[in-house]
Each structure stands twice: as C-alpha cells, then as structure tokens.
Amino acid sequence: AGPRGMRVAFRNVSFGYDPARLILHDVNFTAEPGQTIALVGHTGSGKSSIINLVSKFYLPTRGEVLIDGREIRTLTSQSLHRQTGMVQQANFLFSGSVLENIRLARPDATDAEVRDAARQLDCLDILEALPDGLFTEVGERGAGLSVGQRQLICFTRALLADPRLVILDEATSSIDALTEARLQKALVELLRGRTSFIVAHRLSTIRHADLVLV
C-alpha cells in the first residue's frame, strides 16, 4: 500500500520568534495526506517558520497546528520527529562510509535494506560507482563527493526511515543537468504517498506541488 502521509492543518496561525513582532499572520491551509506543499518567497518571509512549526521546533504564538486532527501541543516531539524525514540545504554528512551515513536514519537496517532504499530511488548505480561503492569514506562535509551525490545520500537516508512527513530545504547550488534529472526522479519516489513541505527554489519543484504558499 506504500506509506500514508500525515494530514497537516494550520488554523489561524500567527507566529513570531519574538511574540511582539509576528512573521506569520493568520495563516490557514491544509495539507492532505500525500500532498506536496511548496513554500516560496524571499528570505525572511516565513518559509522556515512554517517548517519549524510543522516540526514542532516552535509552537504557534496564536492559532493551532493540527497533525492528523490532533493539536500539535498534544503530540510528543519525539513521536513527530520519528515520523519525519528532513533533508536540508547543507545536506550534512558525517565522517564514515556512505553506508554508515545512510544508516543513521535507522541504525538497525541491514546492508541489503540500505541498498534496497537506494534502488527504490533508482540511484544505487551512482552510489556503487563511487571509488569503494557504499563503503567509500566521506569527509565531514562530504568531501570528495559532488553536490548531487551528497543529496542522493541524504534522500536515501530519508527514505530508509520511511517517514510519513518529508521536509526538504531544496538545495540551490549548481547541479549539472544529468544529476538534476536523477535528483528529480529520486525526489518523486521519496515523496510518493508522503506529505511533504518543500522550501522551493526551482520551478521544477513548484510544478509538481499540490499547493504553493507564497
């Protein structure tokens, strides 16, 4: 049946890191399970604030955030974060092998399960083409890997966790057209059936969204 996304609803949400200076004013929208919500706008317009509220890193100053009909204050951060896959723009990699980096999402996963996740994203060949395949050592910031390869490792890591909610701060860095096409395909697979919030910098992402919040 595949994963089942979360339903996320904002009801009259206002928010400010300083309650006296609101960034979001009376925001209302609903993300149905499996939908992709693209967030676009200039720096400081509130895109990160929406992601921080969905992830319960912050609570609304006013209004309610509902996850599957439950007010977010009644959910533990731990249970929410267990069901959330986050891929950030800096796509952080730790010292260790590609395999170890992917397995961070689910430490008990077998090598076969890691390969399977990469295969599902149709990027196993790219990872196996690295000097030592999945056992290739990466530096702390993914030294020696291209931006696209790092991003695919982070996508695979997110998929392995089998989240119901995916939050993606889409990388703006220059990626060659071939990698871009592979990343787009992998992204479609990663998001299939899951609810996702994407801070979008590229038109290609916005085109696939069910709802675009500006």
C-alpha atoms as a PDB file:
ATOM      1  CA  ALA A   1       0.000   0.000   0.000  1.00  0.00           C
ATOM      2  CA  GLY A   2       3.027   2.268   0.452  1.00  0.00           C
ATOM      3  CA  PRO A   3       3.415   4.956   3.098  1.00  0.00           C
ATOM      4  CA  ARG A   4       0.481   7.001   4.295  1.00  0.00           C
ATOM      5  CA  GLY A   5       1.118  10.708   4.642  1.00  0.00           C
ATOM      6  CA  MET A   6       0.033  12.914   7.509  1.00  0.00           C
ATOM      7  CA  ARG A   7      -2.727  15.489   7.355  1.00  0.00           C
ATOM      8  CA  VAL A   8      -1.330  18.852   8.449  1.00  0.00           C
ATOM      9  CA  ALA A   9      -3.635  21.802   9.037  1.00  0.00           C
ATOM     10  CA  PHE A  10      -2.859  25.376  10.073  1.00  0.00           C
ATOM     11  CA  ARG A  11      -5.826  27.152  11.680  1.00  0.00           C
ATOM     12  CA  ASN A  12      -5.435  30.943  12.077  1.00  0.00           C
ATOM     13  CA  VAL A  13      -1.759  30.535  12.894  1.00  0.00           C
ATOM     14  CA  SER A  14       0.239  33.619  13.794  1.00  0.00           C
ATOM     15  CA  PHE A  15       3.855  33.325  14.817  1.00  0.00           C
ATOM     16  CA  GLY A  16       6.870  35.405  15.759  1.00  0.00           C
ATOM     17  CA  TYR A  17      10.148  34.309  17.347  1.00  0.00           C
ATOM     18  CA  ASP A  18       9.505  37.483  19.325  1.00  0.00           C
ATOM     19  CA  PRO A  19       5.704  37.467  20.003  1.00  0.00           C
ATOM     20  CA  ALA A  20       5.667  41.264  19.642  1.00  0.00           C
ATOM     21  CA  ARG A  21       6.953  41.011  16.048  1.00  0.00           C
ATOM     22  CA  LEU A  22       4.907  38.497  14.083  1.00  0.00           C
ATOM     23  CA  ILE A  23       6.289  36.914  10.907  1.00  0.00           C
ATOM     24  CA  LEU A  24       3.170  34.871  10.078  1.00  0.00           C
ATOM     25  CA  HIS A  25      -0.295  36.418  10.347  1.00  0.00           C
ATOM     26  CA  ASP A  26      -3.463  34.282  10.442  1.00  0.00           C
ATOM     27  CA  VAL A  27      -2.208  31.525   8.152  1.00  0.00           C
ATOM     28  CA  ASN A  28      -4.775  28.889   7.107  1.00  0.00           C
ATOM     29  CA  PHE A  29      -4.130  25.891   4.880  1.00  0.00           C
ATOM     30  CA  THR A  30      -4.479  22.114   4.856  1.00  0.00           C
ATOM     31  CA  ALA A  31      -2.018  19.562   3.506  1.00  0.00           C
ATOM     32  CA  GLU A  32      -3.930  16.369   2.807  1.00  0.00           C
ATOM     33  CA  PRO A  33      -2.061  13.040   3.223  1.00  0.00           C
ATOM     34  CA  GLY A  34       0.364  12.579   0.335  1.00  0.00           C
ATOM     35  CA  GLN A  35       0.263  16.177  -0.865  1.00  0.00           C
ATOM     36  CA  THR A  36       3.303  18.339  -1.596  1.00  0.00           C
ATOM     37  CA  ILE A  37       3.292  21.903  -0.295  1.00  0.00           C
ATOM     38  CA  ALA A  38       5.837  24.236  -1.872  1.00  0.00           C
ATOM     39  CA  LEU A  39       6.938  27.277   0.123  1.00  0.00           C
ATOM     40  CA  VAL A  40       8.281  30.153  -1.949  1.00  0.00           C
ATOM     41  CA  GLY A  41       9.267  33.709  -1.100  1.00  0.00           C
ATOM     42  CA  HIS A  42      12.205  35.908  -0.262  1.00  0.00           C
ATOM     43  CA  THR A  43      14.485  35.376   2.732  1.00  0.00           C
ATOM     44  CA  GLY A  44      12.718  36.244   5.968  1.00  0.00           C
ATOM     45  CA  SER A  45       9.223  35.832   4.523  1.00  0.00           C
ATOM     46  CA  GLY A  46       8.331  32.971   6.886  1.00  0.00           C
ATOM     47  CA  LYS A  47       9.162  29.788   4.928  1.00  0.00           C
ATOM     48  CA  SER A  48      11.429  28.418   7.667  1.00  0.00           C
ATOM     49  CA  SER A  49       8.904  29.475  10.310  1.00  0.00           C
ATOM     50  CA  ILE A  50       6.242  27.244   8.731  1.00  0.00           C
ATOM     51  CA  ILE A  51       8.692  24.319   8.666  1.00  0.00           C
ATOM     52  CA  ASN A  52       9.688  24.988  12.289  1.00  0.00           C
ATOM     53  CA  LEU A  53       6.009  24.941  13.314  1.00  0.00           C
ATOM     54  CA  VAL A  54       5.219  21.745  11.378  1.00  0.00           C
ATOM     55  CA  SER A  55       8.239  20.064  13.043  1.00  0.00           C
ATOM     56  CA  LYS A  56       7.263  21.402  16.486  1.00  0.00           C
ATOM     57  CA  PHE A  57      10.622  23.125  16.897  1.00  0.00           C
ATOM     58  CA  TYR A  58       8.439  26.120  17.840  1.00  0.00           C
ATOM     59  CA  LEU A  59       4.800  26.488  18.879  1.00  0.00           C
ATOM     60  CA  PRO A  60       2.386  28.989  17.309  1.00  0.00           C
ATOM     61  CA  THR A  61       2.051  32.358  19.023  1.00  0.00           C
ATOM     62  CA  ARG A  62      -1.676  32.175  18.198  1.00  0.00           C
ATOM     63  CA  GLY A  63      -3.831  29.571  16.472  1.00  0.00           C
ATOM     64  CA  GLU A  64      -3.444  25.837  16.049  1.00  0.00           C
ATOM     65  CA  VAL A  65      -1.345  23.375  14.069  1.00  0.00           C
ATOM     66  CA  LEU A  66      -3.182  20.053  13.699  1.00  0.00           C
ATOM     67  CA  ILE A  67      -1.455  16.785  12.786  1.00  0.00           C
ATOM     68  CA  ASP A  68      -3.970  14.115  11.755  1.00  0.00           C
ATOM     69  CA  GLY A  69      -6.588  16.156  13.592  1.00  0.00           C
ATOM     70  CA  ARG A  70      -4.600  16.420  16.847  1.00  0.00           C
ATOM     71  CA  GLU A  71      -3.332  19.722  18.169  1.00  0.00           C
ATOM     72  CA  ILE A  72       0.468  19.621  17.864  1.00  0.00           C
ATOM     73  CA  ARG A  73       0.909  20.551  21.540  1.00  0.00           C
ATOM     74  CA  THR A  74      -0.599  17.157  22.475  1.00  0.00           C
ATOM     75  CA  LEU A  75       1.997  15.219  20.438  1.00  0.00           C
ATOM     76  CA  THR A  76       5.459  14.484  21.780  1.00  0.00           C
ATOM     77  CA  SER A  77       8.254  15.974  19.692  1.00  0.00           C
ATOM     78  CA  GLN A  78       9.902  12.550  19.686  1.00  0.00           C
ATOM     79  CA  SER A  79       6.952  10.742  18.091  1.00  0.00           C
ATOM     80  CA  LEU A  80       6.628  13.515  15.489  1.00  0.00           C
ATOM     81  CA  HIS A  81      10.343  13.538  14.635  1.00  0.00           C
ATOM     82  CA  ARG A  82      10.359   9.739  14.315  1.00  0.00           C
ATOM     83  CA  GLN A  83       7.812  10.089  11.510  1.00  0.00           C
ATOM     84  CA  THR A  84       9.593  12.980   9.810  1.00  0.00           C
ATOM     85  CA  GLY A  85      12.367  12.861   7.233  1.00  0.00           C
ATOM     86  CA  MET A  86      14.324  16.096   6.846  1.00  0.00           C
ATOM     87  CA  VAL A  87      16.724  16.929   4.036  1.00  0.00           C
ATOM     88  CA  GLN A  88      18.435  20.247   4.499  1.00  0.00           C
ATOM     89  CA  GLN A  89      20.185  22.517   2.076  1.00  0.00           C
ATOM     90  CA  ALA A  90      23.560  21.894   3.709  1.00  0.00           C
ATOM     91  CA  ASN A  91      22.860  18.117   3.478  1.00  0.00           C
ATOM     92  CA  PHE A  92      25.221  17.292   6.312  1.00  0.00           C
ATOM     93  CA  LEU A  93      27.336  14.152   6.092  1.00  0.00           C
ATOM     94  CA  PHE A  94      29.398  12.758   8.932  1.00  0.00           C
ATOM     95  CA  SER A  95      32.822  11.125   8.831  1.00  0.00           C
ATOM     96  CA  GLY A  96      32.430   7.471   7.922  1.00  0.00           C
ATOM     97  CA  SER A  97      31.242   5.490   4.945  1.00  0.00           C
ATOM     98  CA  VAL A  98      28.313   6.250   2.653  1.00  0.00           C
ATOM     99  CA  LEU A  99      26.622   3.194   4.170  1.00  0.00           C
ATOM    100  CA  GLU A 100      27.033   4.485   7.731  1.00  0.00           C
ATOM    101  CA  ASN A 101      25.713   7.895   6.715  1.00  0.00           C
ATOM    102  CA  ILE A 102      22.554   6.405   5.230  1.00  0.00           C
ATOM    103  CA  ARG A 103      22.084   4.048   8.176  1.00  0.00           C
ATOM    104  CA  LEU A 104      21.902   6.982  10.619  1.00  0.00           C
ATOM    105  CA  ALA A 105      18.200   7.093   9.788  1.00  0.00           C
ATOM    106  CA  ARG A 106      17.712   3.522  11.008  1.00  0.00           C
ATOM    107  CA  PRO A 107      20.748   2.088  12.809  1.00  0.00           C
ATOM    108  CA  ASP A 108      19.346  -1.480  12.754  1.00  0.00           C
ATOM    109  CA  ALA A 109      18.990  -1.527   8.943  1.00  0.00           C
ATOM    110  CA  THR A 110      20.925  -4.258   7.126  1.00  0.00           C
ATOM    111  CA  ASP A 111      23.264  -3.560   4.202  1.00  0.00           C
ATOM    112  CA  ALA A 112      20.607  -5.119   1.957  1.00  0.00           C
ATOM    113  CA  GLU A 113      17.952  -2.716   3.264  1.00  0.00           C
ATOM    114  CA  VAL A 114      20.235   0.262   2.627  1.00  0.00           C
ATOM    115  CA  ARG A 115      20.878  -0.954  -0.939  1.00  0.00           C
ATOM    116  CA  ASP A 116      17.164  -1.524  -1.375  1.00  0.00           C
ATOM    117  CA  ALA A 117      16.386   2.062  -0.346  1.00  0.00           C
ATOM    118  CA  ALA A 118      18.944   3.349  -2.887  1.00  0.00           C
ATOM    119  CA  ARG A 119      17.484   1.021  -5.506  1.00  0.00           C
ATOM    120  CA  GLN A 120      13.993   2.348  -4.791  1.00  0.00           C
ATOM    121  CA  LEU A 121      15.273   5.857  -5.509  1.00  0.00           C
ATOM    122  CA  ASP A 122      16.969   4.470  -8.629  1.00  0.00           C
ATOM    123  CA  CYS A 123      20.347   5.819  -7.510  1.00  0.00           C
ATOM    124  CA  LEU A 124      22.112   2.629  -6.406  1.00  0.00           C
ATOM    125  CA  ASP A 125      24.274   2.701  -9.555  1.00  0.00           C
ATOM    126  CA  ILE A 126      25.525   6.215  -8.723  1.00  0.00           C
ATOM    127  CA  LEU A 127      26.496   5.174  -5.194  1.00  0.00           C
ATOM    128  CA  GLU A 128      28.079   1.920  -6.347  1.00  0.00           C
ATOM    129  CA  ALA A 129      30.148   3.866  -8.893  1.00  0.00           C
ATOM    130  CA  LEU A 130      31.962   5.699  -6.066  1.00  0.00           C
ATOM    131  CA  PRO A 131      35.594   4.551  -5.548  1.00  0.00           C
ATOM    132  CA  ASP A 132      34.683   1.985  -2.858  1.00  0.00           C
ATOM    133  CA  GLY A 133      30.968   1.849  -3.593  1.00  0.00           C
ATOM    134  CA  LEU A 134      28.831   2.174  -0.457  1.00  0.00           C
ATOM    135  CA  PHE A 135      31.969   1.692   1.652  1.00  0.00           C
ATOM    136  CA  THR A 136      33.515   4.911   0.289  1.00  0.00           C
ATOM    137  CA  GLU A 137      34.622   7.123   3.181  1.00  0.00           C
ATOM    138  CA  VAL A 138      33.224  10.642   3.139  1.00  0.00           C
ATOM    139  CA  GLY A 139      34.605  13.646   4.973  1.00  0.00           C
ATOM    140  CA  GLU A 140      32.549  15.606   7.449  1.00  0.00           C
ATOM    141  CA  ARG A 141      31.046  17.788   4.785  1.00  0.00           C
ATOM    142  CA  GLY A 142      31.040  15.070   2.179  1.00  0.00           C
ATOM    143  CA  ALA A 143      34.479  15.985   0.833  1.00  0.00           C
ATOM    144  CA  GLY A 144      35.202  14.247  -2.442  1.00  0.00           C
ATOM    145  CA  LEU A 145      31.533  13.879  -3.357  1.00  0.00           C
ATOM    146  CA  SER A 146      29.616  16.086  -5.759  1.00  0.00           C
ATOM    147  CA  VAL A 147      26.660  18.113  -4.508  1.00  0.00           C
ATOM    148  CA  GLY A 148      24.333  15.743  -6.352  1.00  0.00           C
ATOM    149  CA  GLN A 149      25.905  12.617  -4.820  1.00  0.00           C
ATOM    150  CA  ARG A 150      25.621  14.129  -1.333  1.00  0.00           C
ATOM    151  CA  GLN A 151      21.975  14.989  -1.965  1.00  0.00           C
ATOM    152  CA  LEU A 152      21.197  11.431  -3.135  1.00  0.00           C
ATOM    153  CA  ILE A 153      22.817  10.030   0.024  1.00  0.00           C
ATOM    154  CA  CYS A 154      20.565  12.317   2.095  1.00  0.00           C
ATOM    155  CA  PHE A 155      17.473  11.309   0.074  1.00  0.00           C
ATOM    156  CA  THR A 156      18.321   7.629   0.619  1.00  0.00           C
ATOM    157  CA  ARG A 157      18.820   8.297   4.331  1.00  0.00           C
ATOM    158  CA  ALA A 158      15.367   9.918   4.486  1.00  0.00           C
ATOM    159  CA  LEU A 159      13.719   7.069   2.556  1.00  0.00           C
ATOM    160  CA  LEU A 160      15.273   4.424   4.805  1.00  0.00           C
ATOM    161  CA  ALA A 161      13.480   5.998   7.792  1.00  0.00           C
ATOM    162  CA  ASP A 162      10.181   5.515   5.903  1.00  0.00           C
ATOM    163  CA  PRO A 163       8.741   8.810   7.174  1.00  0.00           C
ATOM    164  CA  ARG A 164       5.133   9.949   6.788  1.00  0.00           C
ATOM    165  CA  LEU A 165       6.228  13.568   6.507  1.00  0.00           C
ATOM    166  CA  VAL A 166       9.162  14.849   4.436  1.00  0.00           C
ATOM    167  CA  ILE A 167      10.608  18.319   4.891  1.00  0.00           C
ATOM    168  CA  LEU A 168      13.013  19.437   2.209  1.00  0.00           C
ATOM    169  CA  ASP A 169      15.018  22.620   2.010  1.00  0.00           C
ATOM    170  CA  GLU A 170      15.807  22.278  -1.655  1.00  0.00           C
ATOM    171  CA  ALA A 171      19.452  22.923  -2.483  1.00  0.00           C
ATOM    172  CA  THR A 172      20.085  25.925  -4.710  1.00  0.00           C
ATOM    173  CA  SER A 173      23.660  25.003  -5.533  1.00  0.00           C
ATOM    174  CA  SER A 174      24.512  24.393  -9.155  1.00  0.00           C
ATOM    175  CA  ILE A 175      23.960  20.796 -10.179  1.00  0.00           C
ATOM    176  CA  ASP A 176      24.611  19.578 -13.696  1.00  0.00           C
ATOM    177  CA  ALA A 177      21.565  18.752 -15.843  1.00  0.00           C
ATOM    178  CA  LEU A 178      22.093  14.984 -15.700  1.00  0.00           C
ATOM    179  CA  THR A 179      22.271  14.905 -11.893  1.00  0.00           C
ATOM    180  CA  GLU A 180      19.353  17.318 -11.742  1.00  0.00           C
ATOM    181  CA  ALA A 181      17.221  14.869 -13.743  1.00  0.00           C
ATOM    182  CA  ARG A 182      18.254  11.973 -11.462  1.00  0.00           C
ATOM    183  CA  LEU A 183      17.555  14.027  -8.348  1.00  0.00           C
ATOM    184  CA  GLN A 184      14.107  14.972  -9.640  1.00  0.00           C
ATOM    185  CA  LYS A 185      13.284  11.318 -10.304  1.00  0.00           C
ATOM    186  CA  ALA A 186      14.570  10.263  -6.883  1.00  0.00           C
ATOM    187  CA  LEU A 187      12.567  13.057  -5.278  1.00  0.00           C
ATOM    188  CA  VAL A 188       9.334  11.881  -6.909  1.00  0.00           C
ATOM    189  CA  GLU A 189       9.986   8.405  -5.425  1.00  0.00           C
ATOM    190  CA  LEU A 190      10.888   9.780  -1.987  1.00  0.00           C
ATOM    191  CA  LEU A 191       7.700  11.855  -1.830  1.00  0.00           C
ATOM    192  CA  ARG A 192       5.319   9.236  -3.205  1.00  0.00           C
ATOM    193  CA  GLY A 193       2.469   8.747  -0.722  1.00  0.00           C
ATOM    194  CA  ARG A 194       4.076  11.001   1.883  1.00  0.00           C
ATOM    195  CA  THR A 195       3.070  14.511   2.872  1.00  0.00           C
ATOM    196  CA  SER A 196       5.864  16.951   2.083  1.00  0.00           C
ATOM    197  CA  PHE A 197       6.835  20.563   2.662  1.00  0.00           C
ATOM    198  CA  ILE A 198       9.456  21.883   0.271  1.00  0.00           C
ATOM    199  CA  VAL A 199      11.206  25.227   0.520  1.00  0.00           C
ATOM    200  CA  ALA A 200      11.381  25.563  -3.246  1.00  0.00           C
ATOM    201  CA  HIS A 201      13.991  27.495  -5.180  1.00  0.00           C
ATOM    202  CA  ARG A 202      13.476  25.765  -8.504  1.00  0.00           C
ATOM    203  CA  LEU A 203      10.478  25.901 -10.822  1.00  0.00           C
ATOM    204  CA  SER A 204      10.752  22.161 -11.459  1.00  0.00           C
ATOM    205  CA  THR A 205       9.749  21.507  -7.835  1.00  0.00           C
ATOM    206  CA  ILE A 206       6.918  24.013  -7.765  1.00  0.00           C
ATOM    207  CA  ARG A 207       5.427  22.441 -10.901  1.00  0.00           C
ATOM    208  CA  HIS A 208       4.780  19.186  -9.013  1.00  0.00           C
ATOM    209  CA  ALA A 209       3.306  20.783  -5.887  1.00  0.00           C
ATOM    210  CA  ASP A 210      -0.357  20.397  -4.901  1.00  0.00           C
ATOM    211  CA  LEU A 211      -0.315  23.740  -3.101  1.00  0.00           C
ATOM    212  CA  VAL A 212       2.095  26.656  -3.405  1.00  0.00           C
ATOM    213  CA  LEU A 213       2.306  29.047  -0.444  1.00  0.00           C
ATOM    214  CA  VAL A 214       3.906  32.385  -1.302  1.00  0.00           C
END
